[in-house]
């Protein structure tokens, strides 16, 4: 049964005393107090949680658990998010280019995003067009301002529009294309079925946002399960032995899409370097199988 929120505000010093009373070792209390002041107890509590002994509702820490353990998890998670952001950016840029240019070339219509005849669902098209109109109205990008001054057309070409709309909107436009052959052609550039591409781009858009907003990522159980490819152009993992709710599955999606863009990418090496720098991180909590780096998928 719900009840009023009646917790009181704690200062960093009070949180230090609370953590110590629960059995967490803090070697440098002054430094820990600085971290609590600049990062915040609530954000760091996600990294204290794995250190609790069962039942976790007792709020007692495992023997040997330390503030340093939590900070190691926090730093690892932060650096992992930066790696993921870097790689997802490459995928997003490629998706924007391949979709915008692919449809423009195939249809001969440079402003295809704003032509309802090219889409299967008018309602979904109207929703996407509303986003386009909103983004164009508020955009201060030089290329949009120049287009308004230089041309009388209502809408700029697709390659301009795709630079100002969210990836989610672009994915909806792609999924709503009336031409099945065109959707297949674009998806094939990523080595996937078009339904799988839509699912993966949607999920990676969510992961990108999670990383952008500095959310805990490494050991999170993710709610959305992606569409599993039945046939792939490139090597893929054994999905039957992989937890689709854990980050490892998303990381494999990133790796697969990167391979379709840049086969000689260094994503694996960056992950290995990160794990080497933080050897105490529990990779099982991320869904990584034992010996993952030796799997044919990663070779």
Foldseek 3Di string as FASTA:
>chain_A
DDDDDDDDDDQLVRVLVVLVVQPAAEPDSVVSNVCCVVVNPVQLVVLVQVQCDPPCVVSHGDPPHYPVSSVLLLVLQLVVLVLLLVLVVVLLVVLLCLLQVLVCVVVVDQAVLQDCVQFDDPVLSVVLVVQLVVQLVPDPDPVSVVCVVPDDDPDDGSSVSSVRGQSLSSLSSLVGGPDLVSLQVSVVLLFARSQQVSQLSVVSSVSNVCSVVSHRAQLDQADDAGDDTPDGPDDADDVVLFDRRAQVVNVRSSLSSVCSVPVPDCSVVSVVVSCVVSVVDDNVSRRQDPPNCPDPSND
